[in-house]
Amino acid sequence: MAERTPESRHHADEPAAPLDEACARLLKLVRSRCPGLLPDDPLRPGETAEPVLTDPKRAATLINLAARQAAVLRADGRPTPEPEELPHAVLWREGADALLVEVGSVATRFATGLVTVLVPVRCDQVPHGRAVVEVEFVVGSARRPTGLLAATSEPRGPAVVIRRWGDALAALAWRAVLDTVGALAAATGRDTDGTALVPAALTADREGLSVQAQARHPVDRVRQGQVAFAPAPGPVRP
């Protein structure tokens, strides 16, 4: 078998030669016939990937997991528990008020341009002690893309719950959706710096949740080994 000469070898730190038309067509065919067999090429700064659709069942499962993670986010920076250790319910307290939020039973419905997160809650002030609060987000659709913009109104549910906990429940639901979108974008691929892609657009319909990922723009690129965040300096002593 013929051996490549040293001059013909390609080094990782050298730019690859552009693909000829036949090779590009073959690569496209392999990726379409055998998805996942070859890694996607890294995106250049600002480039977008093809939208990835996640079916309703899987998307709802991811949002449920994200809600459970959001319920135990730690301000001290410690990692959240493993999925099997995440809580299925959390108790919110403020003064004399309390609400049990069943994060493990969070469900999600999808329609054209709509994502509705259903959050079961428990307290003594609602009939039978349990109710479901619906938080609806108006997002983009295939015919009416809106990027990552979303709108919501007051959650639907018992007035006694909405009046006291409506904003917090809406924030929990949106955090779960946003974390899910971010995770799906990151799983799509990486940019030329090796950094995970970020979400650029979100659409919804009865087929599920569609996320379009994008490589970071040059102004906010994060290169390997680069310090993105550093602790604030302490007070200057005379």
Protein backbone atom coordinates (compact mmCIF):
# COMPACT_ATOMS: atom_id res chain seq x y z
CA MET A 1 0.00 0.00 0.00
CA ALA A 2 1.33 3.41 -0.91
CA GLU A 3 2.57 5.49 1.99
CA ARG A 4 1.96 9.19 2.30
CA THR A 5 5.07 11.30 2.05
CA PRO A 6 5.88 13.75 4.84
CA GLU A 7 4.99 16.60 2.49
CA SER A 8 1.48 15.16 1.98
CA ARG A 9 0.61 14.78 5.64
CA HIS A 10 -1.79 17.33 7.11
CA HIS A 11 -1.04 18.73 10.54
CA ALA A 12 -3.85 19.67 12.93
CA ASP A 13 -2.56 23.22 13.25
CA GLU A 14 -2.57 23.77 9.48
CA PRO A 15 -5.69 24.75 7.52
CA ALA A 16 -7.20 21.83 5.65
CA ALA A 17 -7.41 22.00 1.88
CA PRO A 18 -10.90 22.83 0.61
CA LEU A 19 -13.00 19.83 -0.42
CA ASP A 20 -13.52 19.33 -4.12
CA GLU A 21 -17.13 19.14 -5.34
CA ALA A 22 -17.25 15.33 -5.59
CA CYS A 23 -15.82 14.86 -2.09
CA ALA A 24 -18.22 17.42 -0.63
CA ARG A 25 -21.20 15.62 -2.22
CA LEU A 26 -20.00 12.27 -0.89
CA LEU A 27 -19.53 13.67 2.61
CA LYS A 28 -23.04 15.15 2.51
CA LEU A 29 -24.46 11.80 1.36
CA VAL A 30 -22.72 9.85 4.14
CA ARG A 31 -24.01 12.28 6.77
CA SER A 32 -27.57 12.08 5.44
CA ARG A 33 -27.59 8.27 5.13
CA CYS A 34 -25.66 7.59 8.34
CA PRO A 35 -26.47 10.36 10.83
CA GLY A 36 -24.04 10.47 13.73
CA LEU A 37 -21.36 8.44 11.93
CA LEU A 38 -19.19 11.47 11.24
CA PRO A 39 -18.80 14.48 13.52
CA ASP A 40 -20.09 17.74 12.12
CA ASP A 41 -17.51 20.25 11.02
CA PRO A 42 -16.91 22.98 13.61
CA LEU A 43 -18.69 26.22 12.82
CA ARG A 44 -16.86 29.45 12.17
CA PRO A 45 -17.72 32.47 14.36
CA GLY A 46 -21.29 33.61 13.77
CA GLU A 47 -22.28 30.62 11.62
CA THR A 48 -25.53 28.80 12.33
CA ALA A 49 -26.25 25.08 12.23
CA GLU A 50 -29.33 23.41 10.80
CA PRO A 51 -32.27 23.43 13.25
CA VAL A 52 -32.59 20.26 15.32
CA LEU A 53 -36.09 19.01 16.16
CA THR A 54 -36.70 17.19 19.45
CA ASP A 55 -39.97 15.27 19.62
CA PRO A 56 -42.55 16.28 22.26
CA LYS A 57 -41.90 13.35 24.59
CA ARG A 58 -38.14 13.84 24.72
CA ALA A 59 -38.40 17.62 24.93
CA ALA A 60 -40.87 17.34 27.83
CA THR A 61 -38.52 14.93 29.61
CA LEU A 62 -35.61 17.37 29.25
CA ILE A 63 -37.69 20.29 30.53
CA ASN A 64 -38.77 18.18 33.51
CA LEU A 65 -35.12 17.41 34.31
CA ALA A 66 -34.16 21.06 33.87
CA ALA A 67 -36.93 22.13 36.27
CA ARG A 68 -35.65 19.71 38.91
CA GLN A 69 -32.12 21.04 38.42
CA ALA A 70 -33.29 24.65 38.61
CA ALA A 71 -35.02 23.91 41.91
CA VAL A 72 -31.69 23.08 43.56
CA LEU A 73 -29.38 25.61 41.91
CA ARG A 74 -26.72 26.55 44.41
CA ALA A 75 -25.46 30.06 44.81
CA ASP A 76 -22.12 28.81 46.13
CA GLY A 77 -21.21 27.27 42.77
CA ARG A 78 -21.24 23.67 43.93
CA PRO A 79 -22.43 21.22 41.27
CA THR A 80 -26.06 20.14 41.29
CA PRO A 81 -26.81 16.51 42.20
CA GLU A 82 -26.84 13.71 39.65
CA PRO A 83 -30.22 13.22 37.86
CA GLU A 84 -31.19 10.29 40.08
CA GLU A 85 -30.53 12.41 43.17
CA LEU A 86 -32.60 15.42 42.09
CA PRO A 87 -35.72 16.17 44.15
CA HIS A 88 -39.23 15.42 42.95
CA ALA A 89 -40.72 18.17 45.12
CA VAL A 90 -39.43 21.33 46.77
CA LEU A 91 -40.99 23.47 49.48
CA TRP A 92 -41.02 27.22 48.93
CA ARG A 93 -41.40 29.38 52.03
CA GLU A 94 -41.66 33.10 52.52
CA GLY A 95 -42.91 34.39 55.84
CA ALA A 96 -46.04 32.50 56.80
CA ASP A 97 -46.69 31.37 53.21
CA ALA A 98 -45.61 27.99 51.85
CA LEU A 99 -46.04 26.13 48.57
CA LEU A 100 -44.98 22.61 47.66
CA VAL A 101 -43.86 22.51 44.03
CA GLU A 102 -43.86 19.04 42.44
CA VAL A 103 -40.96 19.63 40.06
CA GLY A 104 -40.73 15.91 39.34
CA SER A 105 -44.20 16.02 37.76
CA VAL A 106 -43.65 19.06 35.54
CA ALA A 107 -45.12 18.40 32.08
CA THR A 108 -44.97 20.35 28.83
CA ARG A 109 -47.31 20.72 25.86
CA PHE A 110 -46.30 21.98 22.42
CA ALA A 111 -48.36 23.69 19.74
CA THR A 112 -47.56 26.00 16.85
CA GLY A 113 -45.63 28.88 18.41
CA LEU A 114 -46.55 27.81 21.94
CA VAL A 115 -44.76 26.04 24.79
CA THR A 116 -46.96 25.42 27.83
CA VAL A 117 -45.31 24.24 31.04
CA LEU A 118 -47.61 22.62 33.61
CA VAL A 119 -46.39 22.80 37.20
CA PRO A 120 -48.29 20.82 39.88
CA VAL A 121 -48.40 22.51 43.29
CA ARG A 122 -49.83 21.74 46.72
CA CYS A 123 -51.09 23.97 49.51
CA ASP A 124 -53.98 24.09 51.98
CA GLN A 125 -55.75 26.94 50.17
CA VAL A 126 -56.66 25.06 46.96
CA PRO A 127 -59.43 22.45 46.50
CA HIS A 128 -58.26 18.93 47.36
CA GLY A 129 -54.91 20.46 48.33
CA ARG A 130 -53.45 20.16 44.81
CA ALA A 131 -53.60 22.21 41.61
CA VAL A 132 -51.77 22.57 38.30
CA VAL A 133 -50.44 25.95 37.23
CA GLU A 134 -50.03 26.50 33.48
CA VAL A 135 -47.30 28.83 32.24
CA GLU A 136 -47.63 29.56 28.53
CA PHE A 137 -44.81 30.97 26.42
CA VAL A 138 -45.39 32.39 22.95
CA VAL A 139 -42.31 31.53 20.90
CA GLY A 140 -41.43 31.40 17.23
CA SER A 141 -42.83 29.03 14.64
CA ALA A 142 -41.55 27.84 11.28
CA ARG A 143 -43.60 30.52 9.50
CA ARG A 144 -42.98 33.21 12.11
CA PRO A 145 -39.46 32.87 13.55
CA THR A 146 -38.63 35.13 16.47
CA GLY A 147 -35.12 34.03 17.42
CA LEU A 148 -35.00 33.53 21.18
CA LEU A 149 -37.70 36.07 21.91
CA ALA A 150 -40.64 34.77 23.95
CA ALA A 151 -43.64 36.36 25.59
CA THR A 152 -45.82 35.20 28.44
CA SER A 153 -48.85 36.37 30.36
CA GLU A 154 -49.97 35.71 33.91
CA PRO A 155 -49.90 31.97 34.68
CA ARG A 156 -53.24 30.16 34.81
CA GLY A 157 -54.27 28.51 38.07
CA PRO A 158 -55.92 29.16 41.43
CA ALA A 159 -55.95 32.88 42.21
CA VAL A 160 -54.56 32.32 45.70
CA VAL A 161 -51.51 30.60 44.21
CA ILE A 162 -51.02 32.94 41.25
CA ARG A 163 -51.32 36.07 43.38
CA ARG A 164 -48.53 34.93 45.71
CA TRP A 165 -46.36 32.62 43.63
CA GLY A 166 -47.17 33.39 39.98
CA ASP A 167 -43.94 35.23 39.16
CA ALA A 168 -41.77 32.59 40.82
CA LEU A 169 -43.54 29.76 38.99
CA ALA A 170 -43.20 31.57 35.66
CA ALA A 171 -39.49 32.11 36.34
CA LEU A 172 -39.02 28.42 37.16
CA ALA A 173 -40.81 27.35 33.98
CA TRP A 174 -38.84 29.74 31.76
CA ARG A 175 -35.54 28.72 33.36
CA ALA A 176 -36.37 25.08 32.60
CA VAL A 177 -37.19 25.85 28.96
CA LEU A 178 -34.13 28.06 28.50
CA ASP A 179 -31.75 25.54 30.10
CA THR A 180 -33.17 22.83 27.84
CA VAL A 181 -32.69 24.97 24.74
CA GLY A 182 -29.11 25.73 25.80
CA ALA A 183 -28.34 22.05 26.37
CA LEU A 184 -29.78 21.05 22.99
CA ALA A 185 -27.72 23.73 21.25
CA ALA A 186 -24.54 22.66 23.06
CA ALA A 187 -25.13 19.05 22.00
CA THR A 188 -25.40 20.11 18.35
CA GLY A 189 -21.69 20.70 17.92
CA ARG A 190 -18.77 23.03 18.54
CA ASP A 191 -17.13 26.03 16.97
CA THR A 192 -13.60 26.34 15.66
CA ASP A 193 -12.39 27.24 19.17
CA GLY A 194 -13.78 23.97 20.55
CA THR A 195 -16.54 25.79 22.44
CA ALA A 196 -20.08 24.40 22.55
CA LEU A 197 -22.60 26.12 20.30
CA VAL A 198 -25.18 28.49 21.77
CA PRO A 199 -28.89 28.76 20.91
CA ALA A 200 -29.85 31.30 18.25
CA ALA A 201 -33.50 30.47 17.59
CA LEU A 202 -36.33 28.49 19.15
CA THR A 203 -39.54 27.35 17.47
CA ALA A 204 -42.33 25.05 18.56
CA ASP A 205 -45.17 23.13 16.96
CA ARG A 206 -47.02 19.86 17.51
CA GLU A 207 -43.93 17.99 16.31
CA GLY A 208 -41.94 19.26 19.28
CA LEU A 209 -39.20 21.76 20.01
CA SER A 210 -36.80 22.97 17.32
CA VAL A 211 -33.53 24.66 18.25
CA GLN A 212 -31.08 26.33 15.89
CA ALA A 213 -27.56 26.56 17.26
CA GLN A 214 -24.91 29.11 16.42
CA ALA A 215 -21.20 29.62 16.93
CA ARG A 216 -20.34 32.58 19.12
CA HIS A 217 -19.62 35.85 17.35
CA PRO A 218 -16.00 37.09 17.31
CA VAL A 219 -16.73 39.57 20.09
CA ASP A 220 -17.60 36.84 22.62
CA ARG A 221 -15.52 33.89 21.46
CA VAL A 222 -14.23 31.67 24.25
CA ARG A 223 -10.99 29.96 23.28
CA GLN A 224 -9.56 26.92 25.01
CA GLY A 225 -7.50 27.98 28.00
CA GLN A 226 -8.97 31.48 28.00
CA VAL A 227 -10.23 32.85 31.31
CA ALA A 228 -13.81 33.96 30.76
CA PHE A 229 -14.58 34.91 34.35
CA ALA A 230 -12.19 35.96 37.09
CA PRO A 231 -12.84 36.87 40.73
CA ALA A 232 -13.12 40.55 41.46
CA PRO A 233 -9.98 42.02 43.01
CA GLY A 234 -10.03 42.70 46.71
CA PRO A 235 -9.92 46.15 48.27
CA VAL A 236 -6.81 48.17 47.60
CA ARG A 237 -4.83 48.74 50.76
CA PRO A 238 -2.88 51.96 51.22
